Amino acid sequence: MMEERTKAGTEGEFGVSAGGSRALTPDNLFVLLASSSTLTAVKKSSKPLTFTKTKTLSTPLPQSTQERLDREAADEKTKEEVDKFGHLKQPSNALKSAVDNLLKSGLLRGQDIAGTEALTMAYLSIEEVATQGAELRMMREPAFRPYKKAKRIAKSRRKMYRRIRK
């Protein structure tokens, strides 16, 4: 059989005794290290704990106010970033005139394109004009597909909202 390991009396050098003649303190634990230079250095470098009363925090701003302040700060930062490139905003007059000359030479300005389309439409039959319009619609449709989808979803959300409100 195994003996019990607990005793009613003193257990050892650092053990707490049931009689309690000595109180356990940190100095009792460091008795063996008292002559050590590291222990004295640690004792000198350690500061006693002092509790200072901290100031209470102010109540947070309402969420809408905080979001507005965040947006204003982000807007200011964006303005600073944009101002870095302010010299690139307006192209020079020489560049504008060069681009305009290129567009004129290729008949690619808005007025020129409208004029050439009117001339070509005058020589086409009604069926050819209809097929050409259908081709143009088919080419433009993928560009507007996301807008149509967003509009459809918004409409269904409005309907659901009104149903719930009733």
C-alpha atoms as a PDB file:
ATOM      1  CA  MET A   1       0.000   0.000   0.000  1.00  0.00           C
ATOM      2  CA  MET A   2       1.054   3.529  -0.689  1.00  0.00           C
ATOM      3  CA  GLU A   3       1.543   5.907   2.181  1.00  0.00           C
ATOM      4  CA  GLU A   4      -0.313   9.145   2.336  1.00  0.00           C
ATOM      5  CA  ARG A   5       1.779  12.103   1.294  1.00  0.00           C
ATOM      6  CA  THR A   6       0.081  14.743   3.387  1.00  0.00           C
ATOM      7  CA  LYS A   7       1.147  15.375   6.939  1.00  0.00           C
ATOM      8  CA  ALA A   8      -0.334  17.442   9.661  1.00  0.00           C
ATOM      9  CA  GLY A   9       2.998  18.975  10.643  1.00  0.00           C
ATOM     10  CA  THR A  10       5.926  20.815   9.009  1.00  0.00           C
ATOM     11  CA  GLU A  11       6.810  19.593   5.548  1.00  0.00           C
ATOM     12  CA  GLY A  12      10.022  21.307   4.583  1.00  0.00           C
ATOM     13  CA  GLU A  13      12.173  24.385   4.318  1.00  0.00           C
ATOM     14  CA  PHE A  14       9.682  26.443   2.281  1.00  0.00           C
ATOM     15  CA  GLY A  15       6.481  24.565   3.001  1.00  0.00           C
ATOM     16  CA  VAL A  16       3.666  26.169   4.905  1.00  0.00           C
ATOM     17  CA  SER A  17       3.201  24.468   8.209  1.00  0.00           C
ATOM     18  CA  ALA A  18      -0.076  23.810   9.921  1.00  0.00           C
ATOM     19  CA  GLY A  19       1.293  25.350  13.112  1.00  0.00           C
ATOM     20  CA  GLY A  20       2.138  28.578  11.249  1.00  0.00           C
ATOM     21  CA  SER A  21       5.016  29.874  13.342  1.00  0.00           C
ATOM     22  CA  ARG A  22       6.530  31.695  10.349  1.00  0.00           C
ATOM     23  CA  ALA A  23       4.634  33.663   7.761  1.00  0.00           C
ATOM     24  CA  LEU A  24       5.615  33.114   4.140  1.00  0.00           C
ATOM     25  CA  THR A  25       7.070  36.294   2.619  1.00  0.00           C
ATOM     26  CA  PRO A  26       9.079  36.995  -0.558  1.00  0.00           C
ATOM     27  CA  ASP A  27      12.146  37.545   1.604  1.00  0.00           C
ATOM     28  CA  ASN A  28      11.834  33.971   2.907  1.00  0.00           C
ATOM     29  CA  LEU A  29      11.849  32.708  -0.653  1.00  0.00           C
ATOM     30  CA  PHE A  30      15.020  34.604  -1.554  1.00  0.00           C
ATOM     31  CA  VAL A  31      17.059  33.581   1.518  1.00  0.00           C
ATOM     32  CA  LEU A  32      19.387  31.364  -0.488  1.00  0.00           C
ATOM     33  CA  LEU A  33      19.921  34.047  -3.119  1.00  0.00           C
ATOM     34  CA  ALA A  34      20.565  36.900  -0.688  1.00  0.00           C
ATOM     35  CA  SER A  35      24.271  36.936  -1.346  1.00  0.00           C
ATOM     36  CA  SER A  36      23.786  36.895  -5.111  1.00  0.00           C
ATOM     37  CA  SER A  37      24.569  40.142  -6.948  1.00  0.00           C
ATOM     38  CA  THR A  38      21.773  39.620  -9.463  1.00  0.00           C
ATOM     39  CA  LEU A  39      19.150  39.574  -6.751  1.00  0.00           C
ATOM     40  CA  THR A  40      20.335  42.867  -5.312  1.00  0.00           C
ATOM     41  CA  ALA A  41      20.380  44.369  -8.814  1.00  0.00           C
ATOM     42  CA  VAL A  42      16.821  43.195  -9.390  1.00  0.00           C
ATOM     43  CA  LYS A  43      15.683  44.609  -6.049  1.00  0.00           C
ATOM     44  CA  LYS A  44      17.275  47.974  -6.812  1.00  0.00           C
ATOM     45  CA  SER A  45      15.829  48.165 -10.322  1.00  0.00           C
ATOM     46  CA  SER A  46      12.320  47.135  -9.332  1.00  0.00           C
ATOM     47  CA  LYS A  47       9.906  49.836  -8.383  1.00  0.00           C
ATOM     48  CA  PRO A  48       7.131  49.403  -5.890  1.00  0.00           C
ATOM     49  CA  LEU A  49       3.708  49.208  -7.451  1.00  0.00           C
ATOM     50  CA  THR A  50       1.745  52.389  -7.090  1.00  0.00           C
ATOM     51  CA  PHE A  51      -1.795  52.734  -8.223  1.00  0.00           C
ATOM     52  CA  THR A  52      -2.642  56.020  -9.825  1.00  0.00           C
ATOM     53  CA  LYS A  53      -6.185  57.082 -10.380  1.00  0.00           C
ATOM     54  CA  THR A  54      -6.813  57.218 -14.103  1.00  0.00           C
ATOM     55  CA  LYS A  55      -9.150  59.669 -15.707  1.00  0.00           C
ATOM     56  CA  THR A  56     -12.465  58.311 -16.815  1.00  0.00           C
ATOM     57  CA  LEU A  57     -12.989  58.049 -20.536  1.00  0.00           C
ATOM     58  CA  SER A  58     -15.477  60.329 -22.207  1.00  0.00           C
ATOM     59  CA  THR A  59     -18.604  58.835 -23.677  1.00  0.00           C
ATOM     60  CA  PRO A  60     -18.310  57.900 -27.353  1.00  0.00           C
ATOM     61  CA  LEU A  61     -19.972  60.039 -29.983  1.00  0.00           C
ATOM     62  CA  PRO A  62     -23.208  58.870 -31.566  1.00  0.00           C
ATOM     63  CA  GLN A  63     -22.592  56.583 -34.535  1.00  0.00           C
ATOM     64  CA  SER A  64     -23.928  59.027 -37.111  1.00  0.00           C
ATOM     65  CA  THR A  65     -21.685  61.808 -35.790  1.00  0.00           C
ATOM     66  CA  GLN A  66     -18.661  59.504 -35.732  1.00  0.00           C
ATOM     67  CA  GLU A  67     -19.323  58.369 -39.306  1.00  0.00           C
ATOM     68  CA  ARG A  68     -19.659  61.995 -40.454  1.00  0.00           C
ATOM     69  CA  LEU A  69     -16.347  62.895 -38.834  1.00  0.00           C
ATOM     70  CA  ASP A  70     -14.710  59.864 -40.436  1.00  0.00           C
ATOM     71  CA  ARG A  71     -16.059  60.883 -43.858  1.00  0.00           C
ATOM     72  CA  GLU A  72     -14.769  64.445 -43.406  1.00  0.00           C
ATOM     73  CA  ALA A  73     -11.320  63.164 -42.459  1.00  0.00           C
ATOM     74  CA  ALA A  74     -11.273  60.808 -45.447  1.00  0.00           C
ATOM     75  CA  ASP A  75     -12.411  63.661 -47.711  1.00  0.00           C
ATOM     76  CA  GLU A  76      -9.561  65.870 -46.490  1.00  0.00           C
ATOM     77  CA  LYS A  77      -7.051  63.087 -47.102  1.00  0.00           C
ATOM     78  CA  THR A  78      -8.439  62.498 -50.591  1.00  0.00           C
ATOM     79  CA  LYS A  79      -8.207  66.211 -51.394  1.00  0.00           C
ATOM     80  CA  GLU A  80      -4.557  66.211 -50.321  1.00  0.00           C
ATOM     81  CA  GLU A  81      -3.839  63.228 -52.560  1.00  0.00           C
ATOM     82  CA  VAL A  82      -5.614  64.807 -55.528  1.00  0.00           C
ATOM     83  CA  ASP A  83      -3.822  68.126 -55.030  1.00  0.00           C
ATOM     84  CA  LYS A  84      -0.506  66.335 -55.526  1.00  0.00           C
ATOM     85  CA  PHE A  85      -1.515  65.789 -59.148  1.00  0.00           C
ATOM     86  CA  GLY A  86      -3.096  69.217 -59.700  1.00  0.00           C
ATOM     87  CA  HIS A  87      -0.598  70.144 -62.393  1.00  0.00           C
ATOM     88  CA  LEU A  88      -1.882  67.256 -64.530  1.00  0.00           C
ATOM     89  CA  LYS A  89      -5.549  68.333 -64.492  1.00  0.00           C
ATOM     90  CA  GLN A  90      -5.620  70.734 -67.468  1.00  0.00           C
ATOM     91  CA  PRO A  91      -3.897  69.712 -70.695  1.00  0.00           C
ATOM     92  CA  SER A  92      -2.005  72.398 -72.540  1.00  0.00           C
ATOM     93  CA  ASN A  93      -3.549  74.302 -75.450  1.00  0.00           C
ATOM     94  CA  ALA A  94      -0.997  72.824 -77.849  1.00  0.00           C
ATOM     95  CA  LEU A  95      -2.084  69.310 -76.860  1.00  0.00           C
ATOM     96  CA  LYS A  96      -5.760  70.198 -77.234  1.00  0.00           C
ATOM     97  CA  SER A  97      -5.250  71.638 -80.710  1.00  0.00           C
ATOM     98  CA  ALA A  98      -3.149  68.641 -81.807  1.00  0.00           C
ATOM     99  CA  VAL A  99      -5.861  66.193 -80.728  1.00  0.00           C
ATOM    100  CA  ASP A 100      -8.560  68.297 -82.381  1.00  0.00           C
ATOM    101  CA  ASN A 101      -6.588  68.352 -85.648  1.00  0.00           C
ATOM    102  CA  LEU A 102      -6.239  64.562 -85.557  1.00  0.00           C
ATOM    103  CA  LEU A 103      -9.968  64.141 -84.980  1.00  0.00           C
ATOM    104  CA  LYS A 104     -10.761  66.537 -87.848  1.00  0.00           C
ATOM    105  CA  SER A 105      -8.436  64.706 -90.229  1.00  0.00           C
ATOM    106  CA  GLY A 106     -10.042  61.360 -89.457  1.00  0.00           C
ATOM    107  CA  LEU A 107     -13.582  62.770 -89.381  1.00  0.00           C
ATOM    108  CA  LEU A 108     -14.012  61.401 -85.868  1.00  0.00           C
ATOM    109  CA  ARG A 109     -15.595  64.372 -84.106  1.00  0.00           C
ATOM    110  CA  GLY A 110     -19.221  64.144 -82.975  1.00  0.00           C
ATOM    111  CA  GLN A 111     -20.550  66.444 -85.699  1.00  0.00           C
ATOM    112  CA  ASP A 112     -18.610  64.596 -88.423  1.00  0.00           C
ATOM    113  CA  ILE A 113     -19.840  61.174 -87.293  1.00  0.00           C
ATOM    114  CA  ALA A 114     -23.459  62.344 -87.217  1.00  0.00           C
ATOM    115  CA  GLY A 115     -23.088  63.791 -90.741  1.00  0.00           C
ATOM    116  CA  THR A 116     -21.570  60.628 -92.211  1.00  0.00           C
ATOM    117  CA  GLU A 117     -24.234  58.446 -90.561  1.00  0.00           C
ATOM    118  CA  ALA A 118     -26.974  60.655 -92.014  1.00  0.00           C
ATOM    119  CA  LEU A 119     -25.448  60.319 -95.487  1.00  0.00           C
ATOM    120  CA  THR A 120     -25.147  56.548 -95.263  1.00  0.00           C
ATOM    121  CA  MET A 121     -28.675  56.192 -93.889  1.00  0.00           C
ATOM    122  CA  ALA A 122     -30.059  58.160 -96.855  1.00  0.00           C
ATOM    123  CA  TYR A 123     -28.867  55.471 -99.281  1.00  0.00           C
ATOM    124  CA  LEU A 124     -30.030  52.471 -97.207  1.00  0.00           C
ATOM    125  CA  SER A 125     -33.385  50.773 -97.319  1.00  0.00           C
ATOM    126  CA  ILE A 126     -35.681  50.645 -94.292  1.00  0.00           C
ATOM    127  CA  GLU A 127     -34.824  46.979 -93.640  1.00  0.00           C
ATOM    128  CA  GLU A 128     -31.095  47.675 -93.704  1.00  0.00           C
ATOM    129  CA  VAL A 129     -31.528  50.585 -91.281  1.00  0.00           C
ATOM    130  CA  ALA A 130     -33.537  48.320 -88.942  1.00  0.00           C
ATOM    131  CA  THR A 131     -30.914  45.556 -89.052  1.00  0.00           C
ATOM    132  CA  GLN A 132     -28.137  48.064 -88.456  1.00  0.00           C
ATOM    133  CA  GLY A 133     -30.034  49.479 -85.451  1.00  0.00           C
ATOM    134  CA  ALA A 134     -30.526  45.952 -84.104  1.00  0.00           C
ATOM    135  CA  GLU A 135     -26.787  45.259 -84.467  1.00  0.00           C
ATOM    136  CA  LEU A 136     -25.974  48.461 -82.602  1.00  0.00           C
ATOM    137  CA  ARG A 137     -28.394  47.512 -79.802  1.00  0.00           C
ATOM    138  CA  MET A 138     -26.780  44.073 -79.528  1.00  0.00           C
ATOM    139  CA  MET A 139     -23.339  45.672 -79.277  1.00  0.00           C
ATOM    140  CA  ARG A 140     -24.459  48.142 -76.579  1.00  0.00           C
ATOM    141  CA  GLU A 141     -26.508  45.670 -74.534  1.00  0.00           C
ATOM    142  CA  PRO A 142     -23.619  44.053 -72.586  1.00  0.00           C
ATOM    143  CA  ALA A 143     -22.491  47.466 -71.397  1.00  0.00           C
ATOM    144  CA  PHE A 144     -25.892  48.229 -69.864  1.00  0.00           C
ATOM    145  CA  ARG A 145     -26.658  44.749 -68.503  1.00  0.00           C
ATOM    146  CA  PRO A 146     -25.427  45.519 -64.937  1.00  0.00           C
ATOM    147  CA  TYR A 147     -27.578  48.667 -64.804  1.00  0.00           C
ATOM    148  CA  LYS A 148     -30.668  46.723 -65.855  1.00  0.00           C
ATOM    149  CA  LYS A 149     -29.978  44.044 -63.261  1.00  0.00           C
ATOM    150  CA  ALA A 150     -29.484  46.631 -60.497  1.00  0.00           C
ATOM    151  CA  LYS A 151     -32.732  48.352 -61.485  1.00  0.00           C
ATOM    152  CA  ARG A 152     -34.629  45.055 -61.402  1.00  0.00           C
ATOM    153  CA  ILE A 153     -33.243  44.162 -57.967  1.00  0.00           C
ATOM    154  CA  ALA A 154     -34.049  47.632 -56.601  1.00  0.00           C
ATOM    155  CA  LYS A 155     -37.617  47.308 -57.861  1.00  0.00           C
ATOM    156  CA  SER A 156     -38.096  43.936 -56.140  1.00  0.00           C
ATOM    157  CA  ARG A 157     -36.641  45.345 -52.908  1.00  0.00           C
ATOM    158  CA  ARG A 158     -39.070  48.256 -53.003  1.00  0.00           C
ATOM    159  CA  LYS A 159     -41.970  45.849 -53.504  1.00  0.00           C
ATOM    160  CA  MET A 160     -40.851  43.664 -50.596  1.00  0.00           C
ATOM    161  CA  TYR A 161     -40.402  46.709 -48.378  1.00  0.00           C
ATOM    162  CA  ARG A 162     -43.914  47.937 -49.134  1.00  0.00           C
ATOM    163  CA  ARG A 163     -45.360  44.485 -48.470  1.00  0.00           C
ATOM    164  CA  ILE A 164     -43.628  44.317 -45.106  1.00  0.00           C
ATOM    165  CA  ARG A 165     -44.723  47.851 -44.158  1.00  0.00           C
ATOM    166  CA  LYS A 166     -48.417  46.985 -44.641  1.00  0.00           C
END
